[in-house]
Protein backbone atom coordinates (compact mmCIF):
# COMPACT_ATOMS: atom_id res chain seq x y z
CA MET A 1 -0.06 -0.10 0.07
CA GLY A 2 1.21 3.31 -0.70
CA PRO A 3 1.40 6.49 1.14
CA ARG A 4 -1.86 8.24 2.20
CA PRO A 5 -2.67 11.40 0.34
CA LEU A 6 -0.89 14.32 2.17
CA TRP A 7 -4.04 16.25 3.30
CA ARG A 8 -6.53 13.49 4.01
CA GLY A 9 -7.34 13.78 7.87
CA ARG A 10 -4.20 15.88 8.38
CA VAL A 11 -4.65 19.31 7.56
CA LEU A 12 -4.38 20.62 11.09
CA ALA A 13 -1.17 18.48 11.57
CA LEU A 14 0.39 19.85 8.60
CA VAL A 15 -0.50 23.42 8.96
CA GLY A 16 0.68 23.02 12.61
CA ILE A 17 4.08 21.77 11.76
CA VAL A 18 4.69 24.69 9.21
CA LEU A 19 3.73 27.13 11.70
CA VAL A 20 5.85 25.81 14.31
CA ALA A 21 8.80 25.78 11.95
CA ALA A 22 8.27 29.17 11.01
CA ASN A 23 8.76 30.17 14.97
CA LEU A 24 11.82 28.43 15.43
CA ARG A 25 14.59 31.17 14.41
CA THR A 26 12.55 34.42 14.38
CA ALA A 27 13.76 35.31 18.12
CA VAL A 28 17.41 34.48 17.15
CA THR A 29 17.72 36.61 13.98
CA SER A 30 15.01 39.65 14.76
CA LEU A 31 17.40 41.07 17.43
CA SER A 32 21.08 41.63 15.93
CA PRO A 33 20.00 43.80 13.14
CA ILE A 34 18.51 46.52 15.30
CA PHE A 35 20.91 46.14 18.25
CA ALA A 36 22.48 49.70 17.63
CA GLU A 37 18.96 51.35 18.32
CA ILE A 38 18.32 49.26 21.54
CA ASP A 39 21.58 49.74 22.59
CA GLY A 40 21.14 53.29 22.48
CA ASP A 41 18.07 53.29 24.16
CA ILE A 42 18.59 50.82 27.07
CA GLY A 43 22.20 50.50 26.90
CA VAL A 44 23.14 46.77 26.68
CA GLY A 45 26.57 46.82 25.62
CA SER A 46 29.07 44.60 23.77
CA VAL A 47 29.09 42.02 26.79
CA GLY A 48 25.22 41.97 26.86
CA LEU A 49 25.25 41.58 23.08
CA GLY A 50 27.92 38.49 23.50
CA LEU A 51 25.46 37.02 26.29
CA LEU A 52 22.64 37.27 23.81
CA GLY A 53 24.28 35.73 21.35
CA MET A 54 25.35 32.74 23.48
CA LEU A 55 21.83 32.07 25.06
CA PRO A 56 20.38 30.37 21.68
CA PRO A 57 22.66 27.57 21.55
CA LEU A 58 22.92 27.11 25.19
CA CYS A 59 18.91 27.06 25.77
CA PHE A 60 18.70 24.68 22.76
CA ALA A 61 21.15 22.17 24.34
CA LEU A 62 19.35 22.57 27.89
CA PHE A 63 16.10 22.01 26.81
CA GLY A 64 17.32 18.95 24.51
CA VAL A 65 17.95 17.43 27.74
CA PHE A 66 14.70 18.06 29.62
CA THR A 67 12.02 17.98 27.01
CA PRO A 68 11.92 13.98 26.60
CA ARG A 69 11.16 14.07 30.38
CA LEU A 70 8.39 16.45 29.58
CA VAL A 71 7.13 14.46 26.76
CA ARG A 72 6.86 11.18 28.95
CA ARG A 73 4.87 13.15 31.45
CA LEU A 74 2.54 15.25 29.22
CA HIS A 75 2.89 13.87 25.61
CA LEU A 76 3.66 15.82 22.60
CA GLU A 77 1.21 18.25 21.46
CA PRO A 78 0.65 19.49 25.15
CA VAL A 79 4.63 20.12 25.69
CA LEU A 80 4.39 21.91 22.17
CA LEU A 81 1.62 24.39 23.55
CA ILE A 82 4.09 25.04 26.49
CA ALA A 83 6.95 25.81 24.06
CA LEU A 84 4.66 28.29 21.87
CA GLY A 85 3.52 29.80 25.05
CA SER A 86 7.25 30.54 26.06
CA ILE A 87 7.84 31.77 22.63
CA VAL A 88 4.72 34.48 22.90
CA ALA A 89 5.63 35.50 26.47
CA GLY A 90 9.16 35.71 25.42
CA HIS A 91 8.68 38.15 22.38
CA LEU A 92 6.38 40.42 24.37
CA VAL A 93 8.16 40.59 27.46
CA ARG A 94 11.28 41.45 25.07
CA SER A 95 9.11 43.93 23.33
CA LEU A 96 8.20 45.66 26.66
CA ALA A 97 11.94 45.66 28.01
CA PRO A 98 12.79 48.62 29.75
CA ASN A 99 16.59 47.56 30.50
CA PHE A 100 18.81 44.78 29.75
CA ALA A 101 17.77 42.18 32.53
CA VAL A 102 14.19 42.02 30.97
CA LEU A 103 15.33 41.86 27.48
CA ALA A 104 17.50 39.01 28.33
CA ILE A 105 14.77 37.36 30.43
CA GLY A 106 12.29 37.57 27.51
CA SER A 107 15.12 36.18 24.96
CA ALA A 108 15.79 33.22 27.33
CA LEU A 109 11.77 32.51 27.53
CA CYS A 110 11.85 32.68 23.27
CA PHE A 111 14.98 30.59 23.18
CA ALA A 112 13.40 27.80 25.88
CA GLY A 113 10.50 27.51 23.80
CA ILE A 114 12.36 27.34 20.72
CA GLY A 115 14.72 24.57 22.16
CA ILE A 116 11.44 22.52 23.38
CA GLY A 117 10.08 22.88 19.86
CA ASN A 118 13.32 21.64 18.29
CA VAL A 119 13.26 18.51 20.00
CA VAL A 120 9.40 17.72 19.50
CA LEU A 121 9.10 18.78 15.93
CA PRO A 122 10.63 15.61 14.30
CA PRO A 123 8.87 13.12 16.58
CA LEU A 124 5.59 15.03 15.66
CA VAL A 125 6.17 14.55 11.67
CA LYS A 126 6.83 10.92 12.66
CA LYS A 127 3.61 10.64 14.44
CA TYR A 128 1.25 12.24 11.91
CA PHE A 129 3.36 11.74 8.59
CA PRO A 130 5.20 8.36 9.05
CA ASP A 131 4.61 7.58 5.35
CA ARG A 132 5.92 11.09 4.32
CA VAL A 133 8.65 11.69 6.40
CA GLY A 134 10.97 13.05 3.90
CA LEU A 135 8.45 15.34 2.45
CA VAL A 136 7.29 16.84 5.39
CA THR A 137 10.65 17.46 6.77
CA SER A 138 11.68 18.94 3.72
CA LEU A 139 8.60 21.23 3.84
CA TYR A 140 9.42 22.38 7.46
CA ALA A 141 13.06 22.65 7.27
CA THR A 142 12.83 24.64 4.23
CA VAL A 143 10.35 27.25 6.08
CA LEU A 144 12.69 26.79 9.18
CA SER A 145 15.56 28.25 6.56
CA VAL A 146 13.23 30.98 5.34
CA SER A 147 12.29 32.18 8.91
CA THR A 148 15.99 32.50 9.64
CA PHE A 149 16.96 35.06 6.97
CA LEU A 150 13.47 36.82 6.78
CA PRO A 151 13.26 38.61 10.17
CA PRO A 152 16.82 40.37 9.70
CA LEU A 153 15.13 41.86 6.17
CA ILE A 154 11.95 42.83 8.06
CA ALA A 155 13.65 44.08 11.70
CA VAL A 156 14.94 47.45 10.70
CA PRO A 157 12.13 48.88 8.36
CA VAL A 158 9.53 48.01 11.25
CA ALA A 159 12.00 49.69 13.85
CA ASP A 160 12.43 52.77 11.51
CA VAL A 161 8.72 53.16 11.41
CA ALA A 162 7.39 52.08 14.81
CA GLY A 163 10.32 51.45 16.90
CA TRP A 164 12.60 48.74 18.22
CA HIS A 165 9.80 47.37 20.72
CA VAL A 166 7.24 46.96 17.82
CA SER A 167 10.03 45.23 15.67
CA LEU A 168 10.53 42.46 18.37
CA GLY A 169 7.01 42.17 19.38
CA VAL A 170 5.37 41.64 16.12
CA TRP A 171 6.63 37.87 15.93
CA SER A 172 4.60 37.06 18.80
CA ILE A 173 1.49 37.13 16.48
CA VAL A 174 3.28 34.42 14.37
CA ALA A 175 3.70 32.47 17.55
CA MET A 176 0.11 33.04 18.56
CA LEU A 177 -1.23 31.89 15.00
CA ALA A 178 0.75 28.41 15.72
CA VAL A 179 -1.19 27.73 18.89
CA VAL A 180 -4.52 27.49 17.03
CA PRO A 181 -4.09 24.22 15.15
CA TRP A 182 -2.55 22.37 18.09
CA ILE A 183 -5.35 23.44 20.45
CA GLY A 184 -7.84 21.90 17.76
CA LEU A 185 -5.55 18.58 17.29
CA ILE A 186 -5.59 18.28 21.21
CA VAL A 187 -9.40 18.55 21.40
CA ARG A 188 -9.90 16.03 18.35
CA GLU A 189 -7.39 13.53 20.13
CA ARG A 190 -9.16 13.87 23.39
CA ARG A 191 -12.61 13.25 21.97
CA ASP A 192 -11.19 10.20 20.03
CA ALA A 193 -8.97 8.96 22.81
CA ARG A 194 -10.01 5.48 22.49
CA ALA A 195 -9.19 5.21 18.59
CA ALA A 196 -6.21 6.76 19.09
CA ALA A 197 -4.95 4.39 22.01
CA ALA A 198 -5.84 1.51 19.52
CA ASP A 199 -4.01 3.06 16.55
CA PRO A 200 -0.11 2.57 16.73
CA GLU A 201 0.49 5.15 14.14
CA ILE A 202 -0.24 7.56 17.09
CA GLU A 203 0.93 5.78 20.05
CA GLU A 204 2.34 8.02 22.67
CA PRO A 205 5.65 7.65 24.29
CA ARG A 206 5.61 5.20 27.06
CA GLY A 207 8.77 4.64 28.29
CA ARG A 208 12.64 5.60 28.31
CA VAL A 209 15.10 4.48 25.12
CA LEU A 210 18.56 4.74 26.33
CA VAL A 211 19.99 6.11 22.99
CA HIS A 212 23.11 7.15 24.37
CA ARG A 213 24.46 3.50 24.40
CA SER A 214 23.88 3.33 20.76
CA PRO A 215 26.96 4.29 18.38
CA ILE A 216 24.08 5.13 15.75
CA ALA A 217 22.90 7.78 18.08
CA TRP A 218 26.41 9.24 18.61
CA ALA A 219 26.86 9.22 14.92
CA ILE A 220 24.02 11.20 14.32
CA ALA A 221 24.78 13.71 17.05
CA ALA A 222 28.06 14.10 15.50
CA VAL A 223 26.55 15.05 12.12
CA PHE A 224 24.26 17.43 13.76
CA ALA A 225 27.11 18.83 15.84
CA THR A 226 29.25 19.35 12.80
CA SER A 227 26.76 21.41 11.08
CA SER A 228 26.01 23.54 14.23
CA LEU A 229 29.48 24.30 15.50
CA ASN A 230 30.34 25.38 11.55
CA ALA A 231 26.88 27.18 10.89
CA TYR A 232 27.29 29.40 14.38
CA ALA A 233 31.05 29.97 13.85
CA MET A 234 30.75 31.13 10.26
CA PHE A 235 27.49 33.31 11.50
CA THR A 236 29.65 35.13 13.69
CA TRP A 237 32.95 35.16 11.77
CA LEU A 238 32.50 34.88 8.07
CA PRO A 239 32.29 38.76 7.27
CA THR A 240 35.36 39.34 9.63
CA ILE A 241 37.54 36.43 8.18
CA VAL A 242 36.45 37.20 4.29
CA THR A 243 37.50 40.90 4.87
CA ASP A 244 40.83 40.06 6.41
CA VAL A 245 41.93 36.96 4.25
CA ALA A 246 40.19 37.89 0.69
CA GLY A 247 40.68 41.93 0.98
CA VAL A 248 36.65 42.43 0.50
CA THR A 249 34.88 45.34 1.73
CA PRO A 250 32.49 45.01 4.97
CA ALA A 251 29.72 45.07 2.45
CA GLN A 252 31.01 42.40 0.48
CA GLY A 253 31.37 40.45 3.70
CA GLY A 254 27.69 40.86 4.47
CA LEU A 255 26.80 39.37 1.03
CA LEU A 256 29.04 36.56 1.41
CA LEU A 257 27.30 35.72 4.74
CA SER A 258 24.14 36.01 3.12
CA LEU A 259 25.32 33.59 0.45
CA PHE A 260 26.62 31.20 3.03
CA SER A 261 22.93 31.50 4.85
CA ALA A 262 21.13 31.09 1.61
CA MET A 263 22.61 27.46 0.82
CA GLY A 264 20.38 26.15 3.65
CA VAL A 265 17.19 26.77 1.58
CA PRO A 266 17.92 24.27 -1.70
CA ALA A 267 19.70 21.86 1.08
CA SER A 268 16.49 22.02 3.24
CA LEU A 269 14.22 21.23 -0.07
CA ILE A 270 16.24 18.41 -1.63
CA VAL A 271 18.05 16.44 1.21
CA PRO A 272 15.35 15.21 3.26
CA MET A 273 13.55 13.74 0.07
CA LEU A 274 16.85 12.37 -0.95
CA VAL A 275 17.13 10.53 2.22
CA ALA A 276 14.14 8.89 2.05
CA ARG A 277 15.07 7.30 -1.40
CA LEU A 278 18.92 6.74 -1.15
CA ARG A 279 20.03 3.16 -0.03
CA ASN A 280 23.03 4.65 1.78
CA VAL A 281 22.43 7.90 3.26
CA ALA A 282 26.31 8.12 4.13
CA VAL A 283 26.68 9.53 0.68
CA LEU A 284 25.23 12.72 1.88
CA VAL A 285 27.57 12.93 4.75
CA TYR A 286 30.73 12.37 2.32
CA VAL A 287 29.29 15.18 0.05
CA ALA A 288 28.84 17.50 3.01
CA SER A 289 32.28 16.67 4.58
CA ALA A 290 33.81 17.47 1.23
CA CYS A 291 32.09 20.79 0.79
CA PHE A 292 33.45 21.88 3.92
CA VAL A 293 36.92 20.74 3.25
CA LEU A 294 37.10 22.54 -0.17
CA GLY A 295 35.03 25.53 1.12
CA TYR A 296 37.81 26.13 3.87
CA LEU A 297 40.75 24.80 1.70
CA GLY A 298 39.85 27.25 -0.86
CA LEU A 299 39.71 30.00 1.78
CA LEU A 300 43.09 29.26 3.02
CA LEU A 301 45.04 28.66 -0.10
CA TRP A 302 43.42 31.07 -2.71
CA PRO A 303 41.18 33.17 -0.42
CA ALA A 304 41.02 36.32 -2.90
CA THR A 305 40.23 33.99 -5.95
CA LEU A 306 36.76 32.94 -6.45
CA THR A 307 35.84 33.75 -2.74
CA TRP A 308 32.19 33.41 -3.50
CA LEU A 309 32.57 29.81 -4.60
CA TRP A 310 34.61 29.02 -1.35
CA VAL A 311 31.96 30.48 0.80
CA LEU A 312 28.99 28.47 -1.38
CA LEU A 313 30.89 25.24 -0.75
CA ALA A 314 31.30 25.71 2.79
CA GLY A 315 27.64 26.93 3.09
CA LEU A 316 26.51 23.70 1.66
CA GLY A 317 28.11 21.63 4.04
CA PRO A 318 25.15 22.34 6.69
CA LEU A 319 23.23 20.32 4.71
CA LEU A 320 24.13 17.79 7.55
CA PHE A 321 21.30 19.75 9.43
CA PRO A 322 18.32 18.57 7.37
CA LEU A 323 19.87 15.44 7.14
CA ALA A 324 20.12 14.71 10.68
CA LEU A 325 16.42 15.88 11.50
CA VAL A 326 15.16 13.04 8.94
CA LEU A 327 17.78 10.57 10.49
CA ILE A 328 16.18 11.03 13.88
CA ASN A 329 12.83 9.43 12.38
CA LEU A 330 14.28 6.82 9.95
CA ARG A 331 16.57 5.60 12.62
CA THR A 332 13.91 5.22 15.36
CA ALA A 333 10.98 2.62 15.46
CA SER A 334 8.88 4.39 17.74
CA HIS A 335 7.65 7.92 18.94
CA ASP A 336 9.28 7.19 22.31
CA GLY A 337 12.69 6.57 20.31
CA ALA A 338 12.07 9.58 18.30
CA VAL A 339 11.63 12.07 21.10
CA ALA A 340 14.69 10.41 23.22
CA LEU A 341 17.01 10.76 20.21
CA SER A 342 15.99 14.34 19.09
CA GLY A 343 16.47 15.42 22.59
CA PHE A 344 19.92 13.77 22.83
CA VAL A 345 21.17 14.85 19.34
CA GLN A 346 20.25 18.38 19.67
CA SER A 347 21.50 18.80 23.25
CA VAL A 348 24.89 17.54 22.06
CA GLY A 349 24.85 19.45 18.65
CA TYR A 350 23.73 22.50 20.20
CA THR A 351 26.39 22.49 23.04
CA LEU A 352 29.11 22.10 20.50
CA GLY A 353 27.77 24.70 18.34
CA ALA A 354 27.70 27.33 21.26
CA LEU A 355 31.38 26.53 21.63
CA GLY A 356 32.39 27.25 17.78
CA PRO A 357 32.27 31.09 17.86
CA LEU A 358 34.19 31.05 21.15
CA VAL A 359 36.83 28.43 20.19
CA VAL A 360 37.31 30.29 16.83
CA SER A 361 37.73 33.63 18.45
CA LEU A 362 40.38 32.30 21.03
CA LEU A 363 42.37 30.58 18.25
CA HIS A 364 42.26 33.89 16.40
CA ALA A 365 43.27 36.02 19.34
CA VAL A 366 46.12 33.69 20.21
CA THR A 367 47.54 33.09 16.67
CA GLY A 368 46.71 36.44 15.25
CA SER A 369 45.42 35.06 11.87
CA TRP A 370 42.67 32.99 10.64
CA THR A 371 44.47 29.90 9.65
CA VAL A 372 44.43 27.96 12.76
CA PRO A 373 40.43 28.45 13.03
CA LEU A 374 40.07 27.74 9.38
CA VAL A 375 42.28 24.56 9.98
CA LEU A 376 40.10 23.59 12.73
CA LEU A 377 36.92 24.02 11.00
CA LEU A 378 38.11 21.77 7.84
CA ALA A 379 39.27 19.03 10.27
CA THR A 380 35.57 19.07 12.02
CA GLY A 381 34.23 18.57 8.46
CA ALA A 382 36.70 16.20 7.34
CA LEU A 383 36.16 14.01 10.79
CA CYS A 384 32.00 13.68 10.32
CA ALA A 385 32.76 11.21 7.23
CA VAL A 386 33.67 9.11 9.92
CA ALA A 387 30.12 9.44 11.55
CA GLY A 388 28.66 8.90 7.98
CA ARG A 389 29.44 5.60 7.97
CA ILE A 390 27.72 4.54 10.99
CA THR A 391 24.61 6.69 9.87
CA GLY A 392 24.43 4.69 6.97
CA ARG A 393 23.56 1.47 8.70
CA PRO A 394 20.02 0.57 7.90
CA THR A 395 18.70 -0.20 11.26
CA THR A 396 16.92 1.49 14.11
CA ILE A 397 18.20 2.77 17.47
CA GLU A 398 15.87 0.17 19.19
CA ALA A 399 17.10 -2.55 17.31
CA ASP A 400 20.86 -1.65 17.71
CA LEU A 401 20.17 -1.68 21.64
CA ALA A 402 18.42 -4.86 21.55
CA ALA A 403 20.99 -6.47 19.61
CA ARG A 404 23.66 -5.16 22.16
CA ARG A 405 21.54 -6.55 25.01
CA HIS A 406 21.39 -9.98 23.38
CA GLY A 407 25.15 -9.92 22.46
CA ARG A 408 25.76 -9.37 26.21
CA ALA A 409 23.74 -11.93 27.32
């Protein structure tokens, strides 16, 4: 039997997943473009900006650890509503902030909600679209990519017209819209509780899967971490790197950062559907590793020649991000396993992602050049190929853990 029609009986779920994805980066990228105006009003300072820059990956990592426990107690949809409520509250608190402390609290609320949403979205795809994992992951990963570069384009014009408070607060409307379909789904699921309990496709998580004992889980975490570390390092330092090593202007450096970021859109569209069709997904890991290596090698050896090509190649390396999202579902046999693996992968990945900009900064400060930082980033991309071989195994975390238990017995 082929897959069900995408819309039949699942319109609310599909709309809800897309709207959640639209809220998972707005709080991150809507702040920095108007930082000068905020700083002039409430005096954030460079230290405050650095703290705000560290909050997203730290919150994502922290709530990657705690979210599976919440899901075991409350189930997926109620936990997602908590996440959306935190995002709404965070946007509103930030928009009313009279000082840096309140701005930081509001930002932490936003990032906490996003961290929870990051973890529960892949299992929700598995729950409602087990027959369309690649397609729906492609759809929401693309929306997530768009929601990364759209807020910076809107933030400044809105701040110029209505002030920075409105520019930050307007995103609460998008988060409120995302709440509506999930309330409808919870009401419908409670009404049909007996049917839902009898349907294995929508079985709720009931136990705990010790994913950290599986090499496959660690391999997927390594794939996600490589993408996260390199992406955050480049988001922070790419304009400065290309200005110093390639002699481009600051404006050109900004355009090159946009090019790096834009590569996430085609990757999000194509990679999830490829994963669902490829016999050996390790090929995609090898391609991403090669892109990282070639991109950084170009910036090291021929930085002023075809600079755009080296940045484009490095920007294709984070195709590992949508790849990891799909693997969370393909390498688990249950919603329980998907929730546990999603939390584990994202907590590990975002922890290393938070370290990326800091390590690059320290190495540059110690050596006085960008050579060592670029060599380090190149090495992370190359080493990821090792994890690719493990992610290519056509099995699940549950089967892997069961085989290990039997082997010990």
